[in-house]
Amino acid sequence: MSALPALSGGSQSWRPELRSKAQDLIRDFEEAEPAALARAVELEARKRQSAFMSGVAAYTRHPREPRMPEPSVVWQSGAARLLDFGDVNSNGGQGRPVLAVPSLINRAYILDLAEKRSLMRALAAAGLRPLLLDWGTPGDAERGHSLTDAITGTLQDALDKVHEICGETPALVGYCMGGLLTLALAARNPGHISALALLATPWDFHADSAGPIRFLNAMRPGLEMCLGRIGELPVDVLQAMFASLNPYMTTDKFRRFADMAPGSQAARDFVAVEDWLNDGVPLAAPIARECLFEWYLENAPARGAWKIDGDPVRPQDVNVPALVVIPKGDTIVPPASADALAQALSNAKSMSLSGGHIGMMVGRRAPSQLYGPLADWLKDTAV
């Protein structure tokens, strides 16, 4: 409503690629009666707001299905746990081991969301022995951790445990931020990794992201104050930052949910994913500074300046077979950012999928697009 006068008067600035459409729109405005146009815009705005609120209300009251029982915990250190999905396959846990590593800022169960939306159970059903590292919620011991602590400590210990209990060299699968962590782990463990799969993993943080970079740079003083006072980056701040990447996505998805039949499979899937999104994990201050400022603002990984325990993380140092999975509709990790990693690795194959950052993992096409092809690649390549 506040923008309507500027639009009607033709004084609004437009991106170059929108100028032609803007001229058509302005001509339409000239033919409309101003008061009637304002009423129509207000009516549509109220209609969309009402649909959004109806969707939020339907989400809050929708019945929740109980989560599936977790597999055995075979190792724990601080908040982190190692879950052995070998329990659920027909081989009795005898398949080739695969260590899966999610992001530090979201719950690990996105890789085991529901019976038919579980990468871990799909890999187990394919005859592999997947083990999931659940980072948990940072406690007092983890609040001061850096990425070096996470990789050389928790992640290295988890890898050593997989070697111990399985008796053979595992493959690594990293999702999003977890992909960067597994890349660093693989570079530090030559001969102890059989293959590396990187799912929606960023590398060139300045690829197709000029707007978010400017936004983050403007937020930096406030973020620094928050990190200094609280010692971590709260979940609500992280949620707001992700939402800012596509501000209309939140309202659009709840309007769509308002039209879904309660109890339908689509509604149950929506609630499961949304509950996971709202079940976030705060990020320890040292790790938040490395990720937000060194990765995003300084683009340290792509520049060769990202270091773990003093050593630069170089993709070309990882010589095992690698698979880089790139969702074409990803707004969190732009495809160009992930493709830069595929180009930097010395022995990599890339696989492009439709869908977005989360949809690739738990969407309706995830079993055919990701689960099956990834399982086949791991069985054929991780030797």
Protein backbone atom coordinates (compact mmCIF):
# COMPACT_ATOMS: atom_id res chain seq x y z
CA MET A 1 0.00 0.00 0.00
CA SER A 2 2.78 2.43 0.85
CA ALA A 3 4.50 1.72 -2.47
CA LEU A 4 1.38 2.17 -4.59
CA PRO A 5 1.66 5.96 -5.10
CA ALA A 6 5.26 5.64 -6.30
CA LEU A 7 4.29 2.80 -8.63
CA SER A 8 1.31 4.69 -10.03
CA GLY A 9 3.39 7.79 -10.59
CA GLY A 10 6.16 5.92 -12.35
CA SER A 11 8.78 7.13 -9.88
CA GLN A 12 9.75 3.71 -8.56
CA SER A 13 13.27 2.48 -9.40
CA TRP A 14 13.39 -0.85 -11.25
CA ARG A 15 16.03 -3.42 -11.90
CA PRO A 16 17.08 -3.32 -15.58
CA GLU A 17 15.53 -6.70 -16.36
CA LEU A 18 12.15 -5.52 -15.02
CA ARG A 19 11.89 -2.16 -16.75
CA SER A 20 9.91 -3.41 -19.74
CA LYS A 21 7.30 -5.10 -17.54
CA ALA A 22 7.24 -2.01 -15.32
CA GLN A 23 6.30 0.20 -18.25
CA ASP A 24 3.39 -2.10 -19.09
CA LEU A 25 2.29 -1.98 -15.45
CA ILE A 26 2.43 1.81 -15.34
CA ARG A 27 0.26 2.04 -18.46
CA ASP A 28 -2.29 -0.22 -16.74
CA PHE A 29 -2.19 2.08 -13.70
CA GLU A 30 -2.95 5.09 -15.89
CA GLU A 31 -6.15 3.45 -17.08
CA ALA A 32 -7.34 2.61 -13.55
CA GLU A 33 -9.36 4.86 -11.25
CA PRO A 34 -6.97 5.62 -8.33
CA ALA A 35 -9.42 5.09 -5.49
CA ALA A 36 -10.71 1.84 -6.98
CA LEU A 37 -7.18 0.58 -7.52
CA ALA A 38 -6.23 1.37 -3.91
CA ARG A 39 -9.30 -0.48 -2.64
CA ALA A 40 -8.50 -3.49 -4.83
CA VAL A 41 -4.89 -3.62 -3.64
CA GLU A 42 -5.96 -3.32 0.00
CA LEU A 43 -8.54 -6.09 -0.47
CA GLU A 44 -5.96 -8.41 -1.99
CA ALA A 45 -3.44 -7.62 0.75
CA ARG A 46 -6.00 -8.40 3.45
CA LYS A 47 -7.01 -11.60 1.64
CA ARG A 48 -3.40 -12.81 1.53
CA GLN A 49 -2.79 -11.85 5.16
CA SER A 50 -5.91 -13.70 6.24
CA ALA A 51 -4.90 -16.81 4.29
CA PHE A 52 -1.45 -16.67 5.87
CA MET A 53 -2.89 -16.45 9.39
CA SER A 54 -5.29 -19.30 8.62
CA GLY A 55 -2.34 -21.41 7.54
CA VAL A 56 -0.41 -20.62 10.72
CA ALA A 57 -3.43 -21.50 12.86
CA ALA A 58 -3.96 -24.77 10.95
CA TYR A 59 -0.29 -25.64 11.44
CA THR A 60 -0.35 -25.05 15.20
CA ARG A 61 -3.41 -27.25 15.74
CA HIS A 62 -2.51 -30.02 13.27
CA PRO A 63 -1.98 -33.40 15.02
CA ARG A 64 1.66 -34.46 15.32
CA GLU A 65 2.76 -37.99 14.48
CA PRO A 66 5.23 -39.58 16.89
CA ARG A 67 8.77 -39.74 15.61
CA MET A 68 10.22 -43.11 14.70
CA PRO A 69 12.31 -44.87 17.36
CA GLU A 70 15.97 -43.94 17.14
CA PRO A 71 18.55 -46.61 16.34
CA SER A 72 21.29 -47.56 18.79
CA VAL A 73 23.64 -44.89 20.12
CA VAL A 74 27.11 -46.42 19.70
CA TRP A 75 29.15 -43.44 20.91
CA GLN A 76 28.63 -40.16 22.73
CA SER A 77 30.88 -37.23 23.57
CA GLY A 78 29.41 -34.17 25.23
CA ALA A 79 26.28 -33.22 23.31
CA ALA A 80 27.23 -35.28 20.23
CA ARG A 81 25.98 -38.82 19.58
CA LEU A 82 26.62 -41.41 16.87
CA LEU A 83 23.47 -43.27 15.76
CA ASP A 84 23.95 -46.64 14.02
CA PHE A 85 21.30 -47.19 11.35
CA GLY A 86 22.88 -50.54 10.58
CA ASP A 87 20.31 -51.79 13.09
CA VAL A 88 17.50 -51.24 10.59
CA ASN A 89 18.89 -52.95 7.49
CA SER A 90 18.52 -56.57 6.47
CA ASN A 91 22.27 -57.21 6.63
CA GLY A 92 22.40 -56.92 10.41
CA GLY A 93 24.74 -53.93 10.18
CA GLN A 94 27.29 -55.66 7.98
CA GLY A 95 27.20 -53.28 4.99
CA ARG A 96 29.85 -50.78 3.97
CA PRO A 97 30.01 -48.01 6.62
CA VAL A 98 28.89 -44.49 5.77
CA LEU A 99 29.34 -41.61 8.23
CA ALA A 100 26.71 -38.91 7.63
CA VAL A 101 27.33 -35.40 8.97
CA PRO A 102 24.61 -32.72 9.06
CA SER A 103 24.90 -29.01 9.75
CA LEU A 104 25.66 -27.66 13.20
CA ILE A 105 22.67 -25.29 13.12
CA ASN A 106 19.81 -27.72 12.44
CA ARG A 107 18.73 -30.96 14.05
CA ALA A 108 20.27 -34.09 12.57
CA TYR A 109 16.91 -35.81 12.11
CA ILE A 110 16.34 -34.03 8.79
CA LEU A 111 18.23 -37.08 7.50
CA ASP A 112 15.66 -39.31 9.24
CA LEU A 113 12.48 -37.26 9.15
CA ALA A 114 9.85 -39.94 8.51
CA GLU A 115 9.70 -43.55 7.39
CA LYS A 116 9.54 -42.65 3.68
CA ARG A 117 11.53 -39.45 4.05
CA SER A 118 14.73 -40.82 5.53
CA LEU A 119 18.04 -40.80 3.73
CA MET A 120 19.55 -42.88 6.53
CA ARG A 121 16.96 -45.65 6.35
CA ALA A 122 17.11 -45.67 2.56
CA LEU A 123 20.89 -46.18 2.64
CA ALA A 124 20.42 -48.96 5.20
CA ALA A 125 17.75 -50.62 3.04
CA ALA A 126 20.21 -50.52 0.12
CA GLY A 127 22.66 -52.69 2.12
CA LEU A 128 24.94 -49.98 3.48
CA ARG A 129 25.67 -49.32 7.16
CA PRO A 130 24.94 -45.61 7.69
CA LEU A 131 25.89 -43.92 10.96
CA LEU A 132 24.58 -40.43 11.71
CA LEU A 133 26.48 -37.87 13.75
CA ASP A 134 23.93 -35.93 15.82
CA TRP A 135 25.69 -32.79 17.07
CA GLY A 136 23.01 -32.15 19.70
CA THR A 137 22.53 -28.81 21.45
CA PRO A 138 25.73 -27.03 22.53
CA GLY A 139 26.25 -27.27 26.27
CA ASP A 140 28.80 -25.55 28.45
CA ALA A 141 31.57 -27.70 26.97
CA GLU A 142 30.70 -26.74 23.39
CA ARG A 143 29.86 -23.04 23.79
CA GLY A 144 33.49 -22.05 23.36
CA HIS A 145 34.19 -24.44 20.49
CA SER A 146 35.61 -23.29 17.18
CA LEU A 147 35.35 -25.14 13.88
CA THR A 148 38.80 -26.56 14.63
CA ASP A 149 37.42 -28.02 17.86
CA ALA A 150 34.41 -29.47 16.06
CA ILE A 151 36.46 -31.05 13.27
CA THR A 152 39.64 -32.17 15.05
CA GLY A 153 37.73 -33.12 18.19
CA THR A 154 34.14 -34.36 17.88
CA LEU A 155 34.14 -35.21 14.19
CA GLN A 156 37.56 -36.86 14.24
CA ASP A 157 36.56 -38.93 17.26
CA ALA A 158 33.36 -40.02 15.53
CA LEU A 159 35.35 -41.11 12.47
CA ASP A 160 37.76 -43.07 14.66
CA LYS A 161 34.81 -44.76 16.34
CA VAL A 162 33.33 -45.79 13.01
CA HIS A 163 36.67 -47.34 12.07
CA GLU A 164 36.75 -49.16 15.38
CA ILE A 165 33.27 -50.66 15.32
CA CYS A 166 33.09 -51.39 11.58
CA GLY A 167 36.64 -52.50 10.95
CA GLU A 168 36.89 -50.78 7.56
CA THR A 169 37.28 -47.39 5.93
CA PRO A 170 33.98 -45.49 5.71
CA ALA A 171 32.60 -43.11 3.15
CA LEU A 172 31.58 -39.64 4.29
CA VAL A 173 28.31 -37.89 3.44
CA GLY A 174 28.00 -34.23 4.41
CA TYR A 175 24.87 -32.09 4.09
CA CYS A 176 25.07 -28.30 3.76
CA MET A 177 27.49 -26.98 6.41
CA GLY A 178 28.21 -30.61 7.27
CA GLY A 179 29.70 -30.97 3.80
CA LEU A 180 32.35 -28.36 4.58
CA LEU A 181 33.15 -30.13 7.85
CA THR A 182 33.50 -33.51 6.13
CA LEU A 183 35.65 -31.96 3.41
CA ALA A 184 38.05 -30.66 6.06
CA LEU A 185 37.98 -34.04 7.80
CA ALA A 186 38.72 -35.89 4.57
CA ALA A 187 41.65 -33.57 3.81
CA ARG A 188 43.13 -34.34 7.24
CA ASN A 189 42.64 -38.11 6.94
CA PRO A 190 44.17 -39.36 3.69
CA GLY A 191 43.87 -43.12 3.45
CA HIS A 192 41.13 -43.24 6.10
CA ILE A 193 38.22 -42.18 3.87
CA SER A 194 36.91 -44.27 0.97
CA ALA A 195 34.65 -41.70 -0.71
CA LEU A 196 33.10 -38.29 -0.11
CA ALA A 197 29.58 -37.16 -0.97
CA LEU A 198 28.77 -33.48 -0.51
CA LEU A 199 25.08 -32.54 -0.59
CA ALA A 200 24.10 -28.90 -1.15
CA THR A 201 27.50 -27.81 0.17
CA PRO A 202 28.69 -24.22 -0.36
CA TRP A 203 32.20 -23.25 -1.33
CA ASP A 204 32.25 -19.92 -3.18
CA PHE A 205 30.20 -17.81 -0.78
CA HIS A 206 30.24 -14.80 -3.10
CA ALA A 207 28.66 -16.64 -6.04
CA ASP A 208 25.19 -15.25 -6.81
CA SER A 209 24.84 -13.77 -3.33
CA ALA A 210 25.58 -10.03 -3.53
CA GLY A 211 22.32 -9.07 -1.80
CA PRO A 212 22.67 -11.39 1.21
CA ILE A 213 26.32 -10.37 1.59
CA ARG A 214 25.38 -6.68 1.79
CA PHE A 215 22.62 -7.52 4.27
CA LEU A 216 24.98 -9.55 6.46
CA ASN A 217 27.63 -6.85 6.37
CA ALA A 218 25.06 -4.32 7.59
CA MET A 219 24.03 -6.69 10.39
CA ARG A 220 27.57 -7.42 11.53
CA PRO A 221 27.81 -4.84 14.37
CA GLY A 222 24.56 -6.08 15.90
CA LEU A 223 25.58 -9.71 15.48
CA GLU A 224 28.95 -9.04 17.11
CA MET A 225 27.19 -7.44 20.09
CA CYS A 226 24.83 -10.42 20.38
CA LEU A 227 27.67 -12.94 20.22
CA GLY A 228 29.72 -11.03 22.76
CA ARG A 229 26.90 -10.76 25.29
CA ILE A 230 25.21 -14.15 24.89
CA GLY A 231 28.12 -16.35 23.77
CA GLU A 232 26.08 -17.90 20.97
CA LEU A 233 23.89 -17.01 18.01
CA PRO A 234 20.28 -17.71 19.09
CA VAL A 235 17.91 -19.81 17.02
CA ASP A 236 15.52 -16.90 16.44
CA VAL A 237 18.29 -14.80 14.88
CA LEU A 238 19.31 -17.67 12.61
CA GLN A 239 15.68 -18.19 11.58
CA ALA A 240 15.28 -14.52 10.71
CA MET A 241 18.47 -14.57 8.64
CA PHE A 242 17.34 -17.61 6.65
CA ALA A 243 13.88 -16.09 6.14
CA SER A 244 15.46 -12.92 4.77
CA LEU A 245 16.86 -14.86 1.81
CA ASN A 246 13.31 -15.10 0.43
CA PRO A 247 10.92 -13.05 2.58
CA TYR A 248 7.81 -14.16 0.67
CA MET A 249 8.55 -17.86 1.12
CA THR A 250 7.17 -17.95 4.67
CA THR A 251 3.85 -16.30 3.84
CA ASP A 252 3.47 -18.26 0.60
CA LYS A 253 4.02 -21.65 2.19
CA PHE A 254 1.49 -21.05 4.98
CA ARG A 255 -1.10 -19.82 2.48
CA ARG A 256 -0.62 -23.05 0.54
CA PHE A 257 -0.91 -25.05 3.76
CA ALA A 258 -4.24 -23.36 4.52
CA ASP A 259 -5.64 -25.02 1.37
CA MET A 260 -4.34 -28.52 2.19
CA ALA A 261 -6.73 -31.16 3.46
CA PRO A 262 -6.08 -31.70 7.19
CA GLY A 263 -4.45 -35.07 7.79
CA SER A 264 -3.45 -35.52 4.15
CA GLN A 265 0.01 -36.79 3.34
CA ALA A 266 0.96 -33.37 2.01
CA ALA A 267 -0.19 -31.74 5.27
CA ARG A 268 1.67 -34.29 7.42
CA ASP A 269 4.84 -33.76 5.39
CA PHE A 270 4.53 -29.98 5.74
CA VAL A 271 4.10 -30.19 9.52
CA ALA A 272 7.06 -32.55 9.89
CA VAL A 273 9.39 -30.26 7.94
CA GLU A 274 8.10 -27.09 9.61
CA ASP A 275 8.51 -28.60 13.08
CA TRP A 276 12.09 -29.48 12.18
CA LEU A 277 12.74 -25.94 10.93
CA ASN A 278 11.42 -24.55 14.20
CA ASP A 279 13.51 -26.97 16.26
CA GLY A 280 16.80 -25.22 15.58
CA VAL A 281 20.10 -25.22 17.42
CA PRO A 282 22.03 -22.12 18.59
CA LEU A 283 25.50 -21.68 17.17
CA ALA A 284 28.49 -21.25 19.50
CA ALA A 285 29.95 -17.75 19.18
CA PRO A 286 33.41 -18.74 17.80
CA ILE A 287 31.80 -20.95 15.14
CA ALA A 288 29.23 -18.28 14.29
CA ARG A 289 32.02 -15.75 13.71
CA GLU A 290 33.92 -18.15 11.46
CA CYS A 291 30.85 -19.08 9.43
CA LEU A 292 29.25 -15.66 9.09
CA PHE A 293 32.27 -13.44 8.80
CA GLU A 294 35.11 -15.62 7.48
CA TRP A 295 33.00 -17.79 5.17
CA TYR A 296 30.30 -15.41 3.97
CA LEU A 297 31.84 -11.96 4.19
CA GLU A 298 35.49 -12.83 3.49
CA ASN A 299 34.83 -15.89 1.27
CA ALA A 300 37.73 -17.64 3.01
CA PRO A 301 37.07 -21.16 1.61
CA ALA A 302 37.13 -20.16 -2.08
CA ARG A 303 40.15 -17.90 -1.48
CA GLY A 304 42.11 -20.73 0.12
CA ALA A 305 42.19 -18.84 3.43
CA TRP A 306 39.98 -21.12 5.55
CA LYS A 307 42.20 -22.97 8.02
CA ILE A 308 41.60 -25.77 10.50
CA ASP A 309 44.22 -26.09 13.23
CA GLY A 310 46.46 -23.81 11.17
CA ASP A 311 46.22 -25.84 7.95
CA PRO A 312 44.35 -24.52 4.90
CA VAL A 313 41.42 -26.63 3.71
CA ARG A 314 42.16 -27.38 0.07
CA PRO A 315 39.71 -29.48 -2.00
CA GLN A 316 42.53 -30.52 -4.32
CA ASP A 317 44.13 -32.35 -1.40
CA VAL A 318 41.17 -34.77 -1.28
CA ASN A 319 41.91 -37.52 -3.77
CA VAL A 320 39.15 -40.03 -3.01
CA PRO A 321 36.15 -40.24 -5.37
CA ALA A 322 33.75 -37.41 -4.62
CA LEU A 323 30.13 -36.70 -5.53
CA VAL A 324 28.80 -33.14 -5.37
CA VAL A 325 25.00 -33.00 -5.35
CA ILE A 326 23.57 -29.64 -6.42
CA PRO A 327 19.85 -28.80 -6.09
CA LYS A 328 18.95 -26.36 -8.86
CA GLY A 329 16.32 -24.51 -6.81
CA ASP A 330 18.51 -23.94 -3.74
CA THR A 331 18.16 -20.43 -2.28
CA ILE A 332 20.37 -21.15 0.75
CA VAL A 333 23.35 -22.54 -1.19
CA PRO A 334 23.28 -21.06 -4.70
CA PRO A 335 24.10 -23.73 -7.32
CA ALA A 336 27.11 -21.71 -8.47
CA SER A 337 28.54 -21.84 -4.95
CA ALA A 338 28.27 -25.64 -4.81
CA ASP A 339 29.51 -26.06 -8.38
CA ALA A 340 32.69 -24.19 -7.45
CA LEU A 341 33.45 -27.01 -5.02
CA ALA A 342 32.89 -29.65 -7.71
CA GLN A 343 35.36 -27.81 -9.92
CA ALA A 344 37.93 -27.49 -7.13
CA LEU A 345 37.97 -31.19 -6.16
CA SER A 346 40.47 -33.34 -8.00
CA ASN A 347 38.28 -36.42 -8.47
CA ALA A 348 34.67 -35.25 -8.40
CA LYS A 349 31.46 -35.98 -10.21
CA SER A 350 28.54 -33.57 -9.93
CA MET A 351 24.85 -34.46 -9.91
CA SER A 352 22.16 -31.82 -10.39
CA LEU A 353 18.69 -32.27 -8.90
CA SER A 354 15.45 -30.35 -9.14
CA GLY A 355 14.09 -28.87 -5.95
CA GLY A 356 15.54 -26.77 -3.18
CA HIS A 357 17.85 -27.08 -0.23
CA ILE A 358 15.43 -28.97 2.03
CA GLY A 359 13.21 -30.47 -0.67
CA MET A 360 16.14 -32.41 -2.10
CA MET A 361 16.45 -34.19 1.26
CA VAL A 362 12.81 -34.79 2.25
CA GLY A 363 10.63 -33.83 -0.71
CA ARG A 364 8.40 -36.32 -2.50
CA ARG A 365 11.04 -36.85 -5.20
CA ALA A 366 13.90 -37.30 -2.72
CA PRO A 367 13.76 -41.14 -2.77
CA SER A 368 14.13 -41.32 -6.56
CA GLN A 369 16.33 -38.26 -7.07
CA LEU A 370 18.71 -38.55 -4.14
CA TYR A 371 18.37 -41.66 -1.99
CA GLY A 372 18.63 -44.27 -4.74
CA PRO A 373 21.35 -42.62 -6.85
CA LEU A 374 23.45 -41.79 -3.77
CA ALA A 375 23.19 -45.36 -2.46
CA ASP A 376 24.21 -46.73 -5.87
CA TRP A 377 27.16 -44.35 -6.07
CA LEU A 378 28.35 -45.23 -2.56
CA LYS A 379 28.16 -48.95 -3.26
CA ASP A 380 29.91 -48.64 -6.63
CA THR A 381 32.54 -46.07 -5.64
CA ALA A 382 33.39 -46.46 -1.97
CA VAL A 383 35.89 -49.29 -2.31
